[in-house]
C-alpha atoms as a PDB file:
ATOM      1  CA  VAL A   1       8.854  13.671   2.447  1.00  0.00           C
ATOM      2  CA  GLN A   2      10.305  10.797   1.396  1.00  0.00           C
ATOM      3  CA  LEU A   3       8.552   7.266   1.386  1.00  0.00           C
ATOM      4  CA  GLN A   4      10.802   4.167   0.409  1.00  0.00           C
ATOM      5  CA  ALA A   5       8.667   1.050  -0.414  1.00  0.00           C
ATOM      6  CA  PHE A   6      10.253  -2.406  -0.386  1.00  0.00           C
ATOM      7  CA  GLY A   7       9.780  -5.868   0.121  1.00  0.00           C
ATOM      8  CA  GLY A   8       8.962  -6.865  -3.493  1.00  0.00           C
ATOM      9  CA  GLY A   9       9.943 -10.194  -5.433  1.00  0.00           C
ATOM     10  CA  LEU A  10       9.174 -12.872  -6.731  1.00  0.00           C
ATOM     11  CA  VAL A  11       6.569 -15.440  -5.377  1.00  0.00           C
ATOM     12  CA  GLN A  12       4.326 -18.526  -6.664  1.00  0.00           C
ATOM     13  CA  ALA A  13       0.851 -18.116  -6.482  1.00  0.00           C
ATOM     14  CA  GLY A  14      -0.900 -19.103  -3.034  1.00  0.00           C
ATOM     15  CA  GLY A  15       2.242 -17.356  -1.571  1.00  0.00           C
ATOM     16  CA  SER A  16       2.791 -14.608   0.768  1.00  0.00           C
ATOM     17  CA  LEU A  17       4.593 -11.386   0.880  1.00  0.00           C
ATOM     18  CA  ARG A  18       5.011  -8.543   3.249  1.00  0.00           C
ATOM     19  CA  LEU A  19       5.867  -4.905   1.877  1.00  0.00           C
ATOM     20  CA  SER A  20       7.090  -2.069   3.936  1.00  0.00           C
ATOM     21  CA  CYS A  21       7.251   1.396   3.177  1.00  0.00           C
ATOM     22  CA  ALA A  22       9.565   3.831   5.537  1.00  0.00           C
ATOM     23  CA  ALA A  23       8.447   7.487   5.709  1.00  0.00           C
ATOM     24  CA  SER A  24      10.584  10.299   7.020  1.00  0.00           C
ATOM     25  CA  GLY A  25      10.219  13.812   6.557  1.00  0.00           C
ATOM     26  CA  LEU A  26       6.789  14.248   8.037  1.00  0.00           C
ATOM     27  CA  THR A  27       4.789  13.821  11.174  1.00  0.00           C
ATOM     28  CA  PHE A  28       4.083  10.274  10.362  1.00  0.00           C
ATOM     29  CA  SER A  29       0.598   9.805  12.276  1.00  0.00           C
ATOM     30  CA  MET A  30      -0.782  12.873  10.659  1.00  0.00           C
ATOM     31  CA  TYR A  31      -0.967  11.095   7.316  1.00  0.00           C
ATOM     32  CA  SER A  32      -3.178   8.606   5.979  1.00  0.00           C
ATOM     33  CA  MET A  33      -1.139   5.751   4.104  1.00  0.00           C
ATOM     34  CA  GLY A  34      -1.912   4.182   0.879  1.00  0.00           C
ATOM     35  CA  TRP A  35      -0.730   1.370  -1.158  1.00  0.00           C
ATOM     36  CA  PHE A  36      -1.615   1.443  -4.811  1.00  0.00           C
ATOM     37  CA  ARG A  37      -0.483  -0.890  -7.700  1.00  0.00           C
ATOM     38  CA  GLN A  38       0.344  -1.041 -11.760  1.00  0.00           C
ATOM     39  CA  ALA A  39       0.473  -3.576 -13.697  1.00  0.00           C
ATOM     40  CA  PRO A  40       2.021  -3.310 -17.011  1.00  0.00           C
ATOM     41  CA  GLY A  41      -0.081  -1.660 -19.397  1.00  0.00           C
ATOM     42  CA  LYS A  42      -2.397  -1.008 -17.102  1.00  0.00           C
ATOM     43  CA  GLU A  43      -3.634   2.279 -14.889  1.00  0.00           C
ATOM     44  CA  ARG A  44      -2.529   2.644 -11.377  1.00  0.00           C
ATOM     45  CA  GLU A  45      -5.427   1.190  -9.101  1.00  0.00           C
ATOM     46  CA  PHE A  46      -6.007   1.629  -5.309  1.00  0.00           C
ATOM     47  CA  VAL A  47      -5.197  -1.154  -3.056  1.00  0.00           C
ATOM     48  CA  ALA A  48      -5.424  -0.441   0.618  1.00  0.00           C
ATOM     49  CA  ALA A  49      -5.513   2.645   2.512  1.00  0.00           C
ATOM     50  CA  ILE A  50      -5.419   3.082   6.730  1.00  0.00           C
ATOM     51  CA  SER A  51      -6.080   6.324   8.296  1.00  0.00           C
ATOM     52  CA  GLY A  52      -3.513   8.018  10.934  1.00  0.00           C
ATOM     53  CA  SER A  53      -5.088   6.563  13.893  1.00  0.00           C
ATOM     54  CA  ALA A  54      -5.089   3.440  12.128  1.00  0.00           C
ATOM     55  CA  ASN A  55      -9.044   3.606  12.751  1.00  0.00           C
ATOM     56  CA  ASN A  56     -10.150   3.677   9.298  1.00  0.00           C
ATOM     57  CA  GLN A  57      -8.907   0.982   6.801  1.00  0.00           C
ATOM     58  CA  ILE A  58     -10.300  -0.060   3.482  1.00  0.00           C
ATOM     59  CA  TYR A  59      -9.297  -2.591   0.701  1.00  0.00           C
ATOM     60  CA  ALA A  60     -10.375  -3.063  -2.797  1.00  0.00           C
ATOM     61  CA  ASP A  61     -12.547  -5.634  -3.240  1.00  0.00           C
ATOM     62  CA  SER A  62      -9.890  -7.480  -5.398  1.00  0.00           C
ATOM     63  CA  VAL A  63      -7.516  -7.747  -2.656  1.00  0.00           C
ATOM     64  CA  LYS A  64     -10.105  -7.676   0.334  1.00  0.00           C
ATOM     65  CA  GLY A  65      -9.882 -11.059   2.450  1.00  0.00           C
ATOM     66  CA  ARG A  66      -6.376 -11.629   1.533  1.00  0.00           C
ATOM     67  CA  PHE A  67      -4.196  -8.712   2.113  1.00  0.00           C
ATOM     68  CA  THR A  68      -3.642  -6.606   5.497  1.00  0.00           C
ATOM     69  CA  ILE A  69      -2.605  -3.132   5.934  1.00  0.00           C
ATOM     70  CA  SER A  70      -1.172  -2.013   9.118  1.00  0.00           C
ATOM     71  CA  ARG A  71       1.126   0.924  10.530  1.00  0.00           C
ATOM     72  CA  ASP A  72       3.669   1.499  13.331  1.00  0.00           C
ATOM     73  CA  ASN A  73       3.677   5.082  14.080  1.00  0.00           C
ATOM     74  CA  ALA A  74       6.544   4.932  16.438  1.00  0.00           C
ATOM     75  CA  LYS A  75       8.572   3.405  13.589  1.00  0.00           C
ATOM     76  CA  ASP A  76       6.881   5.415  10.848  1.00  0.00           C
ATOM     77  CA  ILE A  77       6.282   2.172   8.670  1.00  0.00           C
ATOM     78  CA  VAL A  78       3.308   0.964   6.835  1.00  0.00           C
ATOM     79  CA  TYR A  79       3.095  -2.368   6.085  1.00  0.00           C
ATOM     80  CA  LEU A  80       1.087  -4.399   3.192  1.00  0.00           C
ATOM     81  CA  GLN A  81       0.701  -8.102   4.439  1.00  0.00           C
ATOM     82  CA  MET A  82      -0.257 -10.002   1.161  1.00  0.00           C
ATOM     83  CA  ASN A  83      -1.556 -13.625   1.834  1.00  0.00           C
ATOM     84  CA  SER A  84      -2.882 -16.415  -0.986  1.00  0.00           C
ATOM     85  CA  LEU A  85      -1.092 -14.443  -4.347  1.00  0.00           C
ATOM     86  CA  LYS A  86      -2.671 -14.711  -7.596  1.00  0.00           C
ATOM     87  CA  PRO A  87      -0.695 -13.892 -11.016  1.00  0.00           C
ATOM     88  CA  GLU A  88      -3.004 -11.144 -11.202  1.00  0.00           C
ATOM     89  CA  ASP A  89      -1.654  -9.758  -8.412  1.00  0.00           C
ATOM     90  CA  THR A  90       1.690  -9.113 -10.059  1.00  0.00           C
ATOM     91  CA  ALA A  91       2.628  -5.283 -10.305  1.00  0.00           C
ATOM     92  CA  THR A  92       4.623  -2.630  -8.978  1.00  0.00           C
ATOM     93  CA  TYR A  93       3.603  -1.210  -5.914  1.00  0.00           C
ATOM     94  CA  TYR A  94       3.294   2.242  -4.785  1.00  0.00           C
ATOM     95  CA  CYS A  95       2.943   3.730  -1.125  1.00  0.00           C
ATOM     96  CA  ALA A  96       1.633   6.985  -0.825  1.00  0.00           C
ATOM     97  CA  ALA A  97       0.611   9.762   2.050  1.00  0.00           C
ATOM     98  CA  ALA A  98      -1.868  11.911   2.320  1.00  0.00           C
ATOM     99  CA  LEU A  99      -2.121  14.848   4.830  1.00  0.00           C
ATOM    100  CA  GLY A 100      -5.609  15.862   6.105  1.00  0.00           C
ATOM    101  CA  ARG A 101      -7.574  12.682   4.801  1.00  0.00           C
ATOM    102  CA  SER A 102      -8.926  10.056   6.932  1.00  0.00           C
ATOM    103  CA  THR A 103     -12.313   9.100   5.903  1.00  0.00           C
ATOM    104  CA  ILE A 104     -12.769   5.846   3.969  1.00  0.00           C
ATOM    105  CA  VAL A 105     -13.487   7.718   0.938  1.00  0.00           C
ATOM    106  CA  ALA A 106     -10.859  10.124   1.013  1.00  0.00           C
ATOM    107  CA  ILE A 107      -8.376   7.609   1.595  1.00  0.00           C
ATOM    108  CA  ALA A 108      -9.500   5.048  -0.940  1.00  0.00           C
ATOM    109  CA  ASP A 109      -9.200   7.890  -3.805  1.00  0.00           C
ATOM    110  CA  GLN A 110      -5.895   8.746  -5.620  1.00  0.00           C
ATOM    111  CA  ARG A 111      -6.273  12.465  -5.623  1.00  0.00           C
ATOM    112  CA  SER A 112      -6.024  12.689  -2.166  1.00  0.00           C
ATOM    113  CA  TYR A 113      -2.325  11.378  -2.137  1.00  0.00           C
ATOM    114  CA  HIS A 114       0.444  13.860  -2.976  1.00  0.00           C
ATOM    115  CA  ASN A 115       3.727  12.155  -2.026  1.00  0.00           C
ATOM    116  CA  TRP A 116       4.512   9.023  -3.475  1.00  0.00           C
ATOM    117  CA  GLY A 117       7.290   6.380  -3.281  1.00  0.00           C
ATOM    118  CA  GLN A 118       9.493   4.798  -5.865  1.00  0.00           C
ATOM    119  CA  GLY A 119       7.533   1.224  -6.355  1.00  0.00           C
ATOM    120  CA  THR A 120       8.604  -2.419  -5.551  1.00  0.00           C
ATOM    121  CA  LEU A 121       7.760  -4.739  -8.188  1.00  0.00           C
ATOM    122  CA  VAL A 122       5.897  -7.907  -6.856  1.00  0.00           C
ATOM    123  CA  THR A 123       5.576 -10.899  -9.818  1.00  0.00           C
ATOM    124  CA  VAL A 124       3.397 -13.789  -8.889  1.00  0.00           C
ATOM    125  CA  SER A 125       4.133 -16.963 -10.950  1.00  0.00           C
ATOM    126  CA  SER A 126       1.911 -19.298 -11.753  1.00  0.00           C
END
């Protein structure tokens, strides 16, 4: 399984970015996909997740209403649309894949994910 995240960059506060994560080596629709982030000096935290069929989606409270996760099972890609970005959103963003997990509780838990991408840096300037 390979996951490649891209789309990060430098953006001003209030701006938008769309992250993408391309997956290969797996039956994509069988995996729930999650986005996590890690800011310098902080632990990695959950951002958003979506089940394989896209029936279940969940967001961290800190991004709810600003970020949207989606997936294209025909292209094996998961997206994270980030709007109204804040300086506190600055972090390296990682995508991850979880097989056999589809409930809201499970897909929000980092321990469900065994395949991780390399991360893409998002910097939001004030």
